[in-house]
Amino acid sequence: MPGIDDLIARADGLLERLERLLPERSRSCDWRASAYRWRARDGQGWLQAVSEPHRIQPADLVCLDRQMTEVERNTRQFLAGRGANNVLLWGSRGTGKSSLVKAIFNALSDQGLRLIEVDKGDLGDLPELIEAVRRRPERFLVFCDDLSFEPGESGYTALKAALEGSIAAAPPNLLIYATSNRRHLLPELLSENREAHVVDGELHQAESVEEKISLSDRFGLWVPFHPFTQAQYLTVVRHWVPRLGRPPADWQELERAALQWALRRGSRSGRTAWQFARDWAGRYG
């Protein structure tokens, strides 16, 4: 027969396994913070305060005046308790989509605006997140960056329900702002266009296409971001170089170097311009 020490060891092991199955104690949230990340572990989610948010300002977003005006107007309406829409910022990579959301947040955080970043893999927790902030006095932007889905991903359904498809009413103090390189958030296949058909002279999309459009269509405001022209790219370079270091003695030399940098990267974008300016400041600033 096993001894008393052996029985105690077995009991300890059993208790340890049982504790793993039990939900963790709810984690308290520091509501004094202005930015948060949604964290999830072992089926439990909580809001983790961000001590040092990215402090980019609207003035740093050069050549994005139209997009800035649209998103800022919508956000101010939201803060004032007036009608406002969930926002999808879509378009070319590196053109400032996520930076614009963070800049709007920084400009309006002193008016009660709060930002919650949610990873795509945690979108299934959106109902829990919404209930956590439903009765708070602050106004929350749920921020999903670089969002795209593959067919069958679970977060797709959760996001659709959170936008406009749930039986529970959306709280008036929360909007969803998402960025994506894809306008419809899902890959668009050539085979799906072949499924389209004409009825009485009208073109009807295939069901698979309609399903993809149905998600992005739930965002009330679409804000497109297009590739930068060479002139826009150089304008952004001229903005960031003095900000990060010392202005050059010869701007033409700097612009030639900036164009060569973009050519090697295969991209003329705001991100490429900022990366060039940081490298230039590191060498010569």
Protein backbone atom coordinates (compact mmCIF):
# COMPACT_ATOMS: atom_id res chain seq x y z
CA MET A 1 0.00 0.00 0.00
CA PRO A 2 1.21 3.52 -0.71
CA GLY A 3 2.57 5.48 2.19
CA ILE A 4 1.25 8.76 3.54
CA ASP A 5 3.89 10.78 1.64
CA ASP A 6 2.87 9.14 -1.62
CA LEU A 7 -0.81 9.92 -1.01
CA ILE A 8 0.00 13.57 -0.24
CA ALA A 9 2.02 13.85 -3.44
CA ARG A 10 -0.85 12.38 -5.46
CA ALA A 11 -3.34 14.76 -3.83
CA ASP A 12 -1.11 17.74 -4.61
CA GLY A 13 -0.86 16.66 -8.23
CA LEU A 14 -4.64 16.24 -8.48
CA LEU A 15 -5.24 19.71 -6.99
CA GLU A 16 -2.75 21.25 -9.40
CA ARG A 17 -4.54 19.70 -12.37
CA LEU A 18 -7.91 20.89 -11.08
CA GLU A 19 -6.60 24.44 -10.65
CA ARG A 20 -5.63 24.52 -14.30
CA LEU A 21 -9.24 23.81 -15.24
CA LEU A 22 -10.69 26.53 -13.05
CA PRO A 23 -11.00 30.12 -14.38
CA GLU A 24 -8.38 32.55 -13.15
CA ARG A 25 -9.35 35.33 -10.84
CA SER A 26 -10.54 38.35 -12.76
CA ARG A 27 -7.74 40.83 -13.36
CA SER A 28 -8.37 44.39 -12.31
CA CYS A 29 -8.10 47.07 -14.98
CA ASP A 30 -6.32 50.38 -14.54
CA TRP A 31 -9.00 52.71 -15.94
CA ARG A 32 -6.68 55.69 -15.50
CA ALA A 33 -4.74 54.61 -18.60
CA SER A 34 -5.58 55.95 -22.05
CA ALA A 35 -4.54 52.92 -24.16
CA TYR A 36 -4.94 49.19 -23.66
CA ARG A 37 -4.20 45.83 -25.22
CA TRP A 38 -6.66 42.96 -24.98
CA ARG A 39 -4.84 39.94 -23.62
CA ALA A 40 -6.15 36.36 -23.50
CA ARG A 41 -4.83 33.24 -21.81
CA ASP A 42 -6.44 29.89 -20.99
CA GLY A 43 -9.84 31.13 -22.07
CA GLN A 44 -9.69 34.30 -19.96
CA GLY A 45 -9.33 37.83 -21.33
CA TRP A 46 -8.42 41.15 -19.73
CA LEU A 47 -7.44 44.72 -20.58
CA GLN A 48 -3.75 45.45 -20.09
CA ALA A 49 -2.85 49.12 -19.76
CA VAL A 50 -0.20 50.46 -22.16
CA SER A 51 2.20 52.66 -20.21
CA GLU A 52 3.83 54.35 -23.23
CA PRO A 53 1.54 54.65 -26.29
CA HIS A 54 3.05 55.58 -29.64
CA ARG A 55 2.91 59.39 -29.59
CA ILE A 56 2.68 60.19 -33.31
CA GLN A 57 0.80 63.44 -33.94
CA PRO A 58 -1.57 64.46 -36.78
CA ALA A 59 0.98 67.02 -38.02
CA ASP A 60 3.37 64.14 -38.78
CA LEU A 61 0.97 62.59 -41.31
CA VAL A 62 1.96 64.44 -44.46
CA CYS A 63 -0.06 64.03 -47.69
CA LEU A 64 -2.99 62.43 -45.84
CA ASP A 65 -5.17 65.50 -45.35
CA ARG A 66 -8.32 64.01 -46.90
CA GLN A 67 -8.12 60.77 -44.92
CA MET A 68 -7.32 62.67 -41.72
CA THR A 69 -10.33 64.96 -42.18
CA GLU A 70 -12.72 62.04 -42.67
CA VAL A 71 -11.56 59.98 -39.69
CA GLU A 72 -11.20 62.94 -37.34
CA ARG A 73 -14.71 64.18 -38.20
CA ASN A 74 -16.20 60.74 -37.49
CA THR A 75 -14.26 60.43 -34.22
CA ARG A 76 -15.31 63.86 -32.98
CA GLN A 77 -18.94 62.99 -33.71
CA PHE A 78 -18.46 59.83 -31.65
CA LEU A 79 -16.98 61.76 -28.74
CA ALA A 80 -19.89 64.21 -28.85
CA GLY A 81 -22.43 61.39 -28.64
CA ARG A 82 -23.67 62.01 -32.19
CA GLY A 83 -23.97 59.53 -35.03
CA ALA A 84 -20.66 57.90 -36.00
CA ASN A 85 -19.58 54.82 -37.92
CA ASN A 86 -17.16 51.96 -37.56
CA VAL A 87 -14.22 52.68 -39.90
CA LEU A 88 -12.26 50.54 -42.34
CA LEU A 89 -8.98 52.09 -43.49
CA TRP A 90 -7.79 50.07 -46.47
CA GLY A 91 -5.19 50.36 -49.19
CA SER A 92 -1.51 50.14 -50.03
CA ARG A 93 1.00 49.06 -47.43
CA GLY A 94 3.01 51.68 -45.59
CA THR A 95 0.72 54.59 -46.47
CA GLY A 96 -0.15 55.57 -42.89
CA LYS A 97 -3.37 53.71 -42.06
CA SER A 98 -2.44 52.59 -38.54
CA SER A 99 -0.45 55.78 -37.90
CA LEU A 100 -3.55 57.84 -38.66
CA VAL A 101 -5.62 55.94 -36.08
CA LYS A 102 -2.92 56.43 -33.44
CA ALA A 103 -2.55 60.13 -34.33
CA ILE A 104 -6.31 60.71 -33.96
CA PHE A 105 -6.23 58.95 -30.60
CA ASN A 106 -3.30 61.07 -29.38
CA ALA A 107 -5.03 64.27 -30.47
CA LEU A 108 -8.31 63.43 -28.70
CA SER A 109 -7.31 61.32 -25.70
CA ASP A 110 -7.64 64.32 -23.37
CA GLN A 111 -11.34 64.46 -24.34
CA GLY A 112 -12.05 60.98 -23.00
CA LEU A 113 -11.07 58.92 -26.04
CA ARG A 114 -9.50 55.54 -25.24
CA LEU A 115 -7.82 53.03 -27.56
CA ILE A 116 -7.96 49.22 -27.23
CA GLU A 117 -5.74 47.18 -29.53
CA VAL A 118 -7.02 43.68 -30.33
CA ASP A 119 -5.02 41.07 -32.24
CA LYS A 120 -6.81 39.19 -34.99
CA GLY A 121 -6.42 35.93 -33.08
CA ASP A 122 -8.36 37.39 -30.13
CA LEU A 123 -11.35 38.70 -32.09
CA GLY A 124 -13.39 35.82 -30.73
CA ASP A 125 -13.26 37.65 -27.38
CA LEU A 126 -15.03 40.74 -28.74
CA PRO A 127 -18.32 40.02 -26.89
CA GLU A 128 -16.42 39.79 -23.59
CA LEU A 129 -14.47 42.97 -24.35
CA ILE A 130 -17.63 44.86 -25.25
CA GLU A 131 -19.30 43.89 -21.98
CA ALA A 132 -16.21 44.97 -20.03
CA VAL A 133 -16.50 48.56 -21.26
CA ARG A 134 -20.24 48.88 -21.92
CA ARG A 135 -20.99 50.92 -18.78
CA ARG A 136 -17.78 52.94 -18.65
CA PRO A 137 -18.02 56.74 -19.12
CA GLU A 138 -15.06 56.85 -21.54
CA ARG A 139 -15.34 56.44 -25.32
CA PHE A 140 -13.41 53.47 -26.73
CA LEU A 141 -11.95 52.77 -30.16
CA VAL A 142 -11.29 49.06 -30.66
CA PHE A 143 -8.30 49.01 -33.01
CA CYS A 144 -7.63 45.98 -35.24
CA ASP A 145 -4.45 46.55 -37.25
CA ASP A 146 -3.49 44.85 -40.52
CA LEU A 147 -6.70 42.85 -40.58
CA SER A 148 -7.30 40.12 -43.13
CA PHE A 149 -8.87 36.69 -43.00
CA GLU A 150 -8.54 33.36 -44.69
CA PRO A 151 -11.72 31.37 -45.35
CA GLY A 152 -12.98 29.61 -42.22
CA GLU A 153 -11.18 31.72 -39.59
CA SER A 154 -13.22 32.05 -36.39
CA GLY A 155 -12.53 35.75 -35.84
CA TYR A 156 -14.39 36.57 -39.07
CA THR A 157 -17.77 35.59 -37.62
CA ALA A 158 -17.09 37.30 -34.28
CA LEU A 159 -16.21 40.58 -36.01
CA LYS A 160 -19.33 40.45 -38.18
CA ALA A 161 -21.51 39.99 -35.10
CA ALA A 162 -19.75 42.77 -33.20
CA LEU A 163 -20.20 45.22 -36.08
CA GLU A 164 -23.91 44.79 -36.73
CA GLY A 165 -24.98 41.19 -36.49
CA SER A 166 -25.49 40.41 -32.81
CA ILE A 167 -28.80 40.23 -30.93
CA ALA A 168 -27.19 42.49 -28.29
CA ALA A 169 -27.21 46.20 -29.09
CA ALA A 170 -23.81 47.76 -29.74
CA PRO A 171 -22.77 50.02 -26.83
CA PRO A 172 -22.86 53.74 -27.63
CA ASN A 173 -19.35 54.21 -26.19
CA LEU A 174 -17.49 51.87 -28.57
CA LEU A 175 -16.50 51.88 -32.24
CA ILE A 176 -14.28 49.53 -34.25
CA TYR A 177 -11.48 50.97 -36.39
CA ALA A 178 -9.69 48.42 -38.59
CA THR A 179 -6.85 48.71 -41.11
CA SER A 180 -6.25 46.30 -43.97
CA ASN A 181 -4.43 46.00 -47.26
CA ARG A 182 -7.57 44.27 -48.61
CA ARG A 183 -10.74 46.24 -49.27
CA HIS A 184 -12.96 43.24 -48.45
CA LEU A 185 -10.63 41.70 -45.81
CA LEU A 186 -10.61 38.33 -47.60
CA PRO A 187 -8.65 37.09 -50.63
CA GLU A 188 -10.49 37.62 -53.90
CA LEU A 189 -10.15 34.72 -56.33
CA LEU A 190 -10.47 34.71 -60.11
CA SER A 191 -12.70 31.63 -59.93
CA GLU A 192 -15.31 33.60 -57.99
CA ASN A 193 -15.75 36.05 -60.86
CA ARG A 194 -16.60 33.14 -63.15
CA GLU A 195 -19.53 32.29 -60.85
CA ALA A 196 -21.23 35.65 -61.52
CA HIS A 197 -24.28 35.47 -63.78
CA VAL A 198 -26.69 37.81 -65.58
CA VAL A 199 -30.44 37.79 -64.88
CA ASP A 200 -32.69 40.04 -66.96
CA GLY A 201 -29.70 42.16 -67.92
CA GLU A 202 -28.50 42.61 -64.32
CA LEU A 203 -25.18 41.26 -63.06
CA HIS A 204 -25.49 39.12 -59.92
CA GLN A 205 -22.38 38.31 -57.91
CA ALA A 206 -21.68 34.77 -56.77
CA GLU A 207 -22.66 33.85 -53.22
CA SER A 208 -19.01 33.55 -52.21
CA VAL A 209 -18.36 37.14 -53.35
CA GLU A 210 -21.47 38.40 -51.53
CA GLU A 211 -20.26 36.74 -48.33
CA LYS A 212 -16.89 38.49 -48.55
CA ILE A 213 -18.45 41.87 -49.24
CA SER A 214 -20.87 41.44 -46.33
CA LEU A 215 -18.11 41.91 -43.74
CA SER A 216 -16.50 45.06 -45.10
CA ASP A 217 -19.98 46.42 -45.87
CA ARG A 218 -20.71 46.55 -42.12
CA PHE A 219 -18.11 49.27 -41.70
CA GLY A 220 -20.06 52.46 -42.25
CA LEU A 221 -17.04 54.51 -43.32
CA TRP A 222 -14.44 53.32 -45.83
CA VAL A 223 -11.26 55.39 -46.10
CA PRO A 224 -8.94 54.44 -49.02
CA PHE A 225 -5.16 54.92 -49.03
CA HIS A 226 -3.43 54.99 -52.41
CA PRO A 227 0.25 54.55 -53.35
CA PHE A 228 2.35 57.68 -52.98
CA THR A 229 3.56 59.57 -56.03
CA GLN A 230 7.25 60.49 -56.20
CA ALA A 231 6.42 64.08 -55.22
CA GLN A 232 4.43 62.90 -52.17
CA TYR A 233 7.21 60.53 -51.15
CA LEU A 234 9.80 63.32 -51.27
CA THR A 235 7.45 65.62 -49.34
CA VAL A 236 7.34 63.07 -46.51
CA VAL A 237 11.15 62.75 -46.62
CA ARG A 238 11.47 66.53 -46.33
CA HIS A 239 9.17 66.45 -43.30
CA TRP A 240 10.96 63.71 -41.38
CA VAL A 241 14.63 64.50 -41.99
CA PRO A 242 14.61 67.77 -39.96
CA ARG A 243 12.43 66.12 -37.31
CA LEU A 244 14.86 63.27 -36.76
CA GLY A 245 18.16 65.06 -37.29
CA ARG A 246 19.90 68.02 -38.88
CA PRO A 247 18.66 69.40 -42.24
CA PRO A 248 21.12 68.63 -45.06
CA ALA A 249 23.26 71.27 -46.74
CA ASP A 250 22.17 70.00 -50.16
CA TRP A 251 18.52 68.92 -50.45
CA GLN A 252 19.02 67.69 -54.02
CA GLU A 253 21.64 65.22 -52.85
CA LEU A 254 19.30 64.02 -50.12
CA GLU A 255 16.41 63.58 -52.55
CA ARG A 256 18.59 61.55 -54.92
CA ALA A 257 19.57 59.32 -52.00
CA ALA A 258 15.91 59.02 -50.95
CA LEU A 259 14.85 57.96 -54.44
CA GLN A 260 17.62 55.36 -54.60
CA TRP A 261 16.48 54.07 -51.19
CA ALA A 262 12.90 53.73 -52.46
CA LEU A 263 14.10 52.02 -55.64
CA ARG A 264 15.99 49.39 -53.63
CA ARG A 265 12.92 48.83 -51.45
CA GLY A 266 10.53 48.73 -54.39
CA SER A 267 8.18 51.07 -52.56
CA ARG A 268 7.46 54.79 -52.38
CA SER A 269 5.42 55.13 -49.21
CA GLY A 270 5.29 57.08 -46.00
CA ARG A 271 6.86 54.17 -44.15
CA THR A 272 9.74 53.99 -46.63
CA ALA A 273 10.28 57.75 -46.33
CA TRP A 274 10.39 57.56 -42.53
CA GLN A 275 12.83 54.63 -42.63
CA PHE A 276 15.10 56.55 -45.01
CA ALA A 277 14.97 59.67 -42.80
CA ARG A 278 15.86 57.63 -39.72
CA ASP A 279 18.82 56.06 -41.53
CA TRP A 280 19.98 59.48 -42.83
CA ALA A 281 19.72 61.03 -39.37
CA GLY A 282 21.68 58.12 -37.91
CA ARG A 283 24.53 58.67 -40.37
CA TYR A 284 24.63 62.45 -40.66
CA GLY A 285 22.34 63.95 -38.01
